[in-house]
């Protein structure tokens, strides 16, 4: 539907609370709309395929509008994400919008220094895959790209806080020729119902203007404990150490409420440190004392760094924090 055709209708509705994974087909099915052209989803500026959480419906009659608004307050699901939507008449905001800068003004604005990239042996054999479906797994990527050469590694970065894929991936081939063949064949192709972009990896970022690093804390000195603190920081952990290992090391100090080993979001491998939250302050104090006096505490021949820390779950509900280990 063209812009002129839309304005000839009786009006416009706005639908809010949509999952970011929403697509027109699923939304039209939910709203019992036959013509997808009357639905306009608002995308993110940096990801046109991802809904920003709201959209517009250009209705042709008051009866059609009322039927659509009857769905307001119901739960709508997209890609496993279920949210309650709100549908109402669209009312344009009053007031004058700020004038957009013209091209000359934009050219006069100071340019942000761009980051530089350096190619190494690995990145020269890698492709960057954009617009990847959030449902795509490593096996899906291997199946699509494996036809063009031997794949050494597939990396699908994820959001640390949720574990959800970020929508892109890196694929490393055994040779540059195989990488070039994959770009030639797969750029603009479809994988799991999404048109993907495939290009050579720029390399490792190593430049651009960055904020100066804050001076690091002297690790030979203990931090000031937070009032009511019962949590310790445990550094220099063996790479294979997990939460159960922390429980075994500190079980003797008293009841343990929570443990956590911090991991890299894109590989889930340990970053070499973690936290232990005790039930009692006295247990925490003794663990800190033993970890900083004499030979300290060890795990698999590595001397652990023990310090005070803030609680692991500051914003988590009680049920999630009621795990106890005796």
Protein backbone atom coordinates (compact mmCIF):
# COMPACT_ATOMS: atom_id res chain seq x y z
CA UNK A 1 0.00 0.00 0.00
CA UNK A 2 1.39 3.37 -1.02
CA UNK A 3 1.47 6.46 1.21
CA UNK A 4 -1.31 8.04 -0.89
CA UNK A 5 -3.51 4.97 -0.52
CA UNK A 6 -2.99 4.95 3.24
CA UNK A 7 -4.10 8.54 3.67
CA UNK A 8 -7.33 7.82 1.79
CA UNK A 9 -8.45 5.44 4.58
CA UNK A 10 -10.45 6.43 7.61
CA UNK A 11 -7.59 6.48 10.08
CA UNK A 12 -4.69 4.83 11.80
CA UNK A 13 -4.24 2.73 14.92
CA UNK A 14 -1.08 2.30 16.95
CA UNK A 15 -0.18 -1.05 18.53
CA UNK A 16 2.30 -1.06 21.42
CA UNK A 17 4.06 -3.69 23.48
CA UNK A 18 5.10 -5.89 20.56
CA UNK A 19 7.99 -8.35 21.01
CA UNK A 20 11.09 -7.29 19.08
CA UNK A 21 10.85 -10.54 17.08
CA UNK A 22 7.45 -9.58 15.62
CA UNK A 23 6.91 -10.00 11.88
CA UNK A 24 3.94 -8.94 9.73
CA UNK A 25 2.74 -12.46 8.99
CA UNK A 26 2.37 -13.49 12.64
CA UNK A 27 0.87 -10.15 13.67
CA UNK A 28 -1.72 -10.21 10.87
CA UNK A 29 -2.70 -13.73 11.86
CA UNK A 30 -3.15 -12.60 15.49
CA UNK A 31 -5.26 -9.58 14.44
CA UNK A 32 -7.26 -11.50 11.76
CA UNK A 33 -6.01 -9.11 9.05
CA UNK A 34 -5.95 -10.45 5.50
CA UNK A 35 -4.02 -7.61 3.86
CA UNK A 36 -0.49 -7.31 5.30
CA UNK A 37 0.00 -3.99 3.48
CA UNK A 38 -2.13 -2.11 6.01
CA UNK A 39 0.33 -3.08 8.80
CA UNK A 40 3.46 -0.96 9.30
CA UNK A 41 6.01 -2.22 11.84
CA UNK A 42 8.50 0.35 13.14
CA UNK A 43 12.08 -1.05 12.89
CA UNK A 44 15.27 -0.21 14.76
CA UNK A 45 17.48 2.15 12.75
CA UNK A 46 20.48 -0.20 12.97
CA UNK A 47 18.52 -3.42 12.31
CA UNK A 48 15.66 -3.01 9.79
CA UNK A 49 14.57 -6.61 10.33
CA UNK A 50 13.90 -6.14 14.08
CA UNK A 51 10.71 -4.53 15.36
CA UNK A 52 11.12 -1.61 17.76
CA UNK A 53 8.13 -2.72 19.85
CA UNK A 54 5.30 -0.86 18.15
CA UNK A 55 3.64 -0.35 14.78
CA UNK A 56 0.70 1.17 12.92
CA UNK A 57 -2.43 -0.25 11.30
CA UNK A 58 -4.13 1.76 8.53
CA UNK A 59 -7.79 0.73 8.68
CA UNK A 60 -10.43 1.36 6.00
CA UNK A 61 -13.60 1.41 8.09
CA UNK A 62 -14.73 1.98 11.66
CA UNK A 63 -15.91 -1.64 11.84
CA UNK A 64 -12.46 -2.87 10.88
CA UNK A 65 -10.88 -0.58 13.48
CA UNK A 66 -13.18 -1.79 16.28
CA UNK A 67 -12.47 -5.44 15.41
CA UNK A 68 -8.74 -4.79 15.64
CA UNK A 69 -9.00 -2.79 18.88
CA UNK A 70 -10.91 -5.69 20.42
CA UNK A 71 -7.57 -7.54 20.50
CA UNK A 72 -6.08 -4.90 22.84
CA UNK A 73 -5.03 -6.38 26.16
CA UNK A 74 -4.46 -9.87 24.76
CA UNK A 75 -1.10 -11.64 24.82
CA UNK A 76 0.77 -11.90 21.53
CA UNK A 77 3.70 -14.29 21.07
CA UNK A 78 6.61 -13.99 18.60
CA UNK A 79 9.56 -16.39 18.57
CA UNK A 80 8.78 -17.53 22.11
CA UNK A 81 8.52 -13.98 23.51
CA UNK A 82 5.01 -13.32 24.83
CA UNK A 83 3.81 -9.79 25.63
CA UNK A 84 0.46 -8.10 26.27
CA UNK A 85 -0.29 -5.62 23.48
CA UNK A 86 -2.18 -2.32 23.60
CA UNK A 87 -4.09 -1.04 20.56
CA UNK A 88 -5.56 2.46 20.38
CA UNK A 89 -6.31 5.30 17.99
CA UNK A 90 -3.19 7.05 16.78
CA UNK A 91 -3.04 10.72 17.74
CA UNK A 92 -0.29 12.81 16.20
CA UNK A 93 1.77 14.75 18.73
CA UNK A 94 1.31 18.50 18.68
CA UNK A 95 4.23 20.85 18.29
CA UNK A 96 6.91 21.48 15.77
CA UNK A 97 9.65 18.94 15.33
CA UNK A 98 13.26 20.11 15.43
CA UNK A 99 14.59 20.99 12.00
CA UNK A 100 16.84 18.39 10.50
CA UNK A 101 20.35 19.48 9.63
CA UNK A 102 21.15 19.71 5.94
CA UNK A 103 24.13 17.97 4.36
CA UNK A 104 26.37 21.05 4.62
CA UNK A 105 25.71 21.35 8.37
CA UNK A 106 26.35 17.66 8.86
CA UNK A 107 29.64 17.92 6.98
CA UNK A 108 30.73 20.76 9.23
CA UNK A 109 30.06 18.72 12.38
CA UNK A 110 33.13 17.09 13.93
CA UNK A 111 33.54 13.54 12.71
CA UNK A 112 33.92 10.78 15.26
CA UNK A 113 37.23 9.06 14.87
CA UNK A 114 36.68 5.66 13.31
CA UNK A 115 38.20 2.50 14.68
CA UNK A 116 40.92 0.80 12.70
CA UNK A 117 41.12 -2.92 12.03
CA UNK A 118 44.11 -5.18 11.59
CA UNK A 119 44.00 -8.43 9.66
CA UNK A 120 45.71 -11.50 11.07
CA UNK A 121 45.99 -15.04 9.76
CA UNK A 122 42.65 -16.05 11.28
CA UNK A 123 40.56 -13.00 10.34
CA UNK A 124 41.79 -13.23 6.72
CA UNK A 125 39.98 -16.56 6.50
CA UNK A 126 36.79 -15.39 8.22
CA UNK A 127 33.45 -14.10 6.97
CA UNK A 128 31.02 -11.88 8.88
CA UNK A 129 27.38 -13.03 8.62
CA UNK A 130 24.81 -10.32 9.28
CA UNK A 131 21.01 -10.44 9.74
CA UNK A 132 21.24 -13.96 11.15
CA UNK A 133 18.00 -15.41 12.52
CA UNK A 134 17.92 -15.58 16.31
CA UNK A 135 16.82 -19.21 15.94
CA UNK A 136 19.93 -20.17 13.92
CA UNK A 137 22.26 -22.60 15.66
CA UNK A 138 25.89 -23.46 14.95
CA UNK A 139 24.78 -26.60 13.09
CA UNK A 140 22.61 -24.47 10.76
CA UNK A 141 25.56 -22.23 9.92
CA UNK A 142 27.87 -25.21 9.36
CA UNK A 143 25.33 -26.86 7.07
CA UNK A 144 25.01 -23.72 4.92
CA UNK A 145 28.68 -22.72 4.77
CA UNK A 146 30.26 -26.18 4.88
CA UNK A 147 29.55 -26.72 1.18
CA UNK A 148 32.25 -24.17 0.30
CA UNK A 149 35.17 -25.49 2.33
CA UNK A 150 36.48 -26.80 5.61
CA UNK A 151 35.14 -24.80 8.55
CA UNK A 152 37.52 -24.33 11.48
CA UNK A 153 35.23 -22.35 13.79
CA UNK A 154 31.76 -20.78 14.01
CA UNK A 155 31.19 -18.00 16.56
CA UNK A 156 27.67 -16.71 17.31
CA UNK A 157 28.03 -13.85 19.85
CA UNK A 158 25.38 -13.64 22.57
CA UNK A 159 24.10 -11.00 24.96
CA UNK A 160 25.73 -11.62 28.34
CA UNK A 161 22.71 -10.75 30.49
CA UNK A 162 20.18 -12.93 28.60
CA UNK A 163 22.22 -15.43 26.60
CA UNK A 164 20.28 -14.52 23.45
CA UNK A 165 22.09 -14.36 20.09
CA UNK A 166 23.00 -10.87 18.82
CA UNK A 167 21.93 -11.62 15.23
CA UNK A 168 25.31 -12.09 13.56
CA UNK A 169 28.13 -14.64 13.37
CA UNK A 170 31.71 -15.25 12.27
CA UNK A 171 32.75 -18.28 10.21
CA UNK A 172 36.42 -19.20 9.79
CA UNK A 173 37.50 -21.36 6.86
CA UNK A 174 40.71 -23.34 6.38
CA UNK A 175 41.79 -21.17 3.41
CA UNK A 176 41.09 -17.69 2.00
CA UNK A 177 39.90 -19.25 -1.26
CA UNK A 178 37.14 -21.09 0.60
CA UNK A 179 36.16 -17.85 2.34
CA UNK A 180 35.92 -16.02 -1.00
CA UNK A 181 33.80 -18.81 -2.47
CA UNK A 182 31.35 -18.60 0.44
CA UNK A 183 30.99 -14.82 0.04
CA UNK A 184 30.37 -15.16 -3.69
CA UNK A 185 27.73 -17.86 -3.24
CA UNK A 186 25.93 -16.96 -0.02
CA UNK A 187 25.74 -13.14 0.16
CA UNK A 188 22.05 -12.30 -0.16
CA UNK A 189 20.94 -15.92 0.26
CA UNK A 190 18.34 -17.13 2.77
CA UNK A 191 19.10 -18.99 6.00
CA UNK A 192 16.23 -19.94 8.31
CA UNK A 193 13.87 -17.60 6.41
CA UNK A 194 16.17 -14.57 6.76
CA UNK A 195 18.19 -12.96 3.98
CA UNK A 196 21.76 -12.90 5.24
CA UNK A 197 24.68 -10.69 4.37
CA UNK A 198 28.08 -12.32 3.97
CA UNK A 199 31.30 -10.29 3.69
CA UNK A 200 34.94 -10.59 4.59
CA UNK A 201 35.77 -9.95 8.22
CA UNK A 202 37.42 -6.54 8.64
CA UNK A 203 39.84 -7.89 11.21
CA UNK A 204 40.51 -7.15 14.86
CA UNK A 205 39.66 -3.67 16.09
CA UNK A 206 42.72 -1.85 17.37
CA UNK A 207 42.20 1.87 16.92
CA UNK A 208 39.84 4.79 17.31
CA UNK A 209 39.52 7.25 20.11
CA UNK A 210 38.91 5.55 23.40
CA UNK A 211 38.28 6.78 26.88
CA UNK A 212 41.33 6.64 29.12
CA UNK A 213 41.29 3.64 31.39
CA UNK A 214 40.64 4.15 35.05
CA UNK A 215 43.63 3.35 37.25
CA UNK A 216 43.34 -0.21 38.50
CA UNK A 217 42.89 -0.87 42.18
CA UNK A 218 45.91 -2.11 44.10
CA UNK A 219 45.03 -5.78 44.50
CA UNK A 220 47.40 -6.13 47.43
CA UNK A 221 44.95 -4.05 49.49
CA UNK A 222 41.50 -5.22 50.52
CA UNK A 223 38.43 -3.31 49.38
CA UNK A 224 36.15 -1.63 51.88
CA UNK A 225 33.31 -4.07 52.69
CA UNK A 226 29.74 -2.98 51.96
CA UNK A 227 27.53 -2.70 55.05
CA UNK A 228 25.98 -6.09 55.73
CA UNK A 229 28.31 -7.71 53.19
CA UNK A 230 28.36 -11.51 53.10
CA UNK A 231 29.91 -11.96 49.63
CA UNK A 232 33.55 -12.48 48.64
CA UNK A 233 35.39 -12.10 45.35
CA UNK A 234 37.48 -15.13 44.36
CA UNK A 235 40.19 -14.45 41.76
CA UNK A 236 42.85 -16.56 39.99
CA UNK A 237 40.50 -19.53 39.73
CA UNK A 238 41.52 -22.53 37.59
CA UNK A 239 39.86 -22.22 34.17
CA UNK A 240 37.82 -25.39 34.65
CA UNK A 241 36.51 -24.40 38.09
CA UNK A 242 32.72 -24.14 38.32
CA UNK A 243 30.14 -23.26 40.99
CA UNK A 244 30.41 -26.70 42.58
CA UNK A 245 34.17 -26.22 42.94
CA UNK A 246 33.55 -22.95 44.83
CA UNK A 247 31.16 -24.76 47.16
CA UNK A 248 33.78 -27.43 47.92
CA UNK A 249 36.49 -24.83 48.65
CA UNK A 250 34.40 -22.68 51.01
CA UNK A 251 31.94 -25.18 52.48
CA UNK A 252 33.90 -25.36 55.73
CA UNK A 253 33.37 -21.68 56.55
CA UNK A 254 29.61 -21.94 56.91
CA UNK A 255 26.35 -22.15 54.99
CA UNK A 256 26.65 -20.85 51.40
CA UNK A 257 23.77 -18.96 49.87
CA UNK A 258 24.97 -18.47 46.28
CA UNK A 259 28.00 -19.05 44.07
CA UNK A 260 28.83 -17.72 40.64
CA UNK A 261 31.72 -18.19 38.19
CA UNK A 262 31.88 -15.29 35.71
CA UNK A 263 32.05 -16.47 32.08
CA UNK A 264 32.64 -14.97 28.65
CA UNK A 265 29.31 -14.31 26.93
CA UNK A 266 30.37 -15.60 23.51
CA UNK A 267 32.09 -18.84 24.61
CA UNK A 268 30.71 -19.51 28.13
CA UNK A 269 34.30 -20.17 29.26
CA UNK A 270 35.37 -19.04 32.72
CA UNK A 271 37.04 -15.64 33.02
CA UNK A 272 39.05 -16.88 35.98
CA UNK A 273 37.09 -15.32 38.83
CA UNK A 274 33.82 -15.68 40.68
CA UNK A 275 31.84 -14.90 43.83
CA UNK A 276 30.65 -16.73 46.93
CA UNK A 277 27.79 -15.41 49.07
CA UNK A 278 27.56 -16.80 52.61
CA UNK A 279 24.57 -16.85 54.92
CA UNK A 280 26.52 -15.28 57.79
CA UNK A 281 28.92 -12.31 57.93
CA UNK A 282 31.23 -14.24 60.27
CA UNK A 283 31.78 -16.94 57.63
CA UNK A 284 32.65 -14.31 55.05
CA UNK A 285 35.08 -12.56 57.43
CA UNK A 286 36.92 -15.81 58.19
CA UNK A 287 37.21 -16.70 54.49
CA UNK A 288 38.69 -13.26 53.72
CA UNK A 289 41.09 -13.54 56.65
CA UNK A 290 42.34 -17.02 55.67
CA UNK A 291 42.66 -15.96 52.04
CA UNK A 292 44.94 -13.04 52.88
CA UNK A 293 47.11 -14.41 55.69
CA UNK A 294 49.93 -16.91 55.57
CA UNK A 295 49.90 -19.09 52.46
CA UNK A 296 46.28 -18.13 51.71
CA UNK A 297 43.81 -20.43 49.94
CA UNK A 298 44.65 -22.56 46.90
CA UNK A 299 42.88 -24.53 44.20
CA UNK A 300 44.82 -26.96 41.98
CA UNK A 301 48.09 -25.26 42.89
CA UNK A 302 46.83 -21.72 42.19
CA UNK A 303 46.76 -19.22 45.06
CA UNK A 304 43.32 -17.60 45.15
CA UNK A 305 42.78 -13.85 45.55
CA UNK A 306 40.08 -13.19 48.13
CA UNK A 307 38.41 -9.83 48.65
CA UNK A 308 35.13 -8.28 49.79
CA UNK A 309 32.42 -7.93 47.11
CA UNK A 310 28.88 -6.67 46.67
CA UNK A 311 26.00 -9.20 46.79
CA UNK A 312 25.66 -11.42 43.71
CA UNK A 313 21.91 -10.93 43.27
CA UNK A 314 21.13 -7.35 44.20
CA UNK A 315 18.02 -7.10 42.02
CA UNK A 316 16.84 -10.69 42.12
CA UNK A 317 13.67 -11.84 43.86
CA UNK A 318 13.83 -13.84 47.07
CA UNK A 319 13.01 -17.19 45.48
CA UNK A 320 16.11 -17.00 43.27
CA UNK A 321 18.30 -16.12 46.26
CA UNK A 322 17.07 -18.82 48.65
CA UNK A 323 19.55 -21.51 47.53
CA UNK A 324 21.45 -22.79 50.56
CA UNK A 325 24.39 -25.16 50.72
CA UNK A 326 25.45 -26.65 54.04
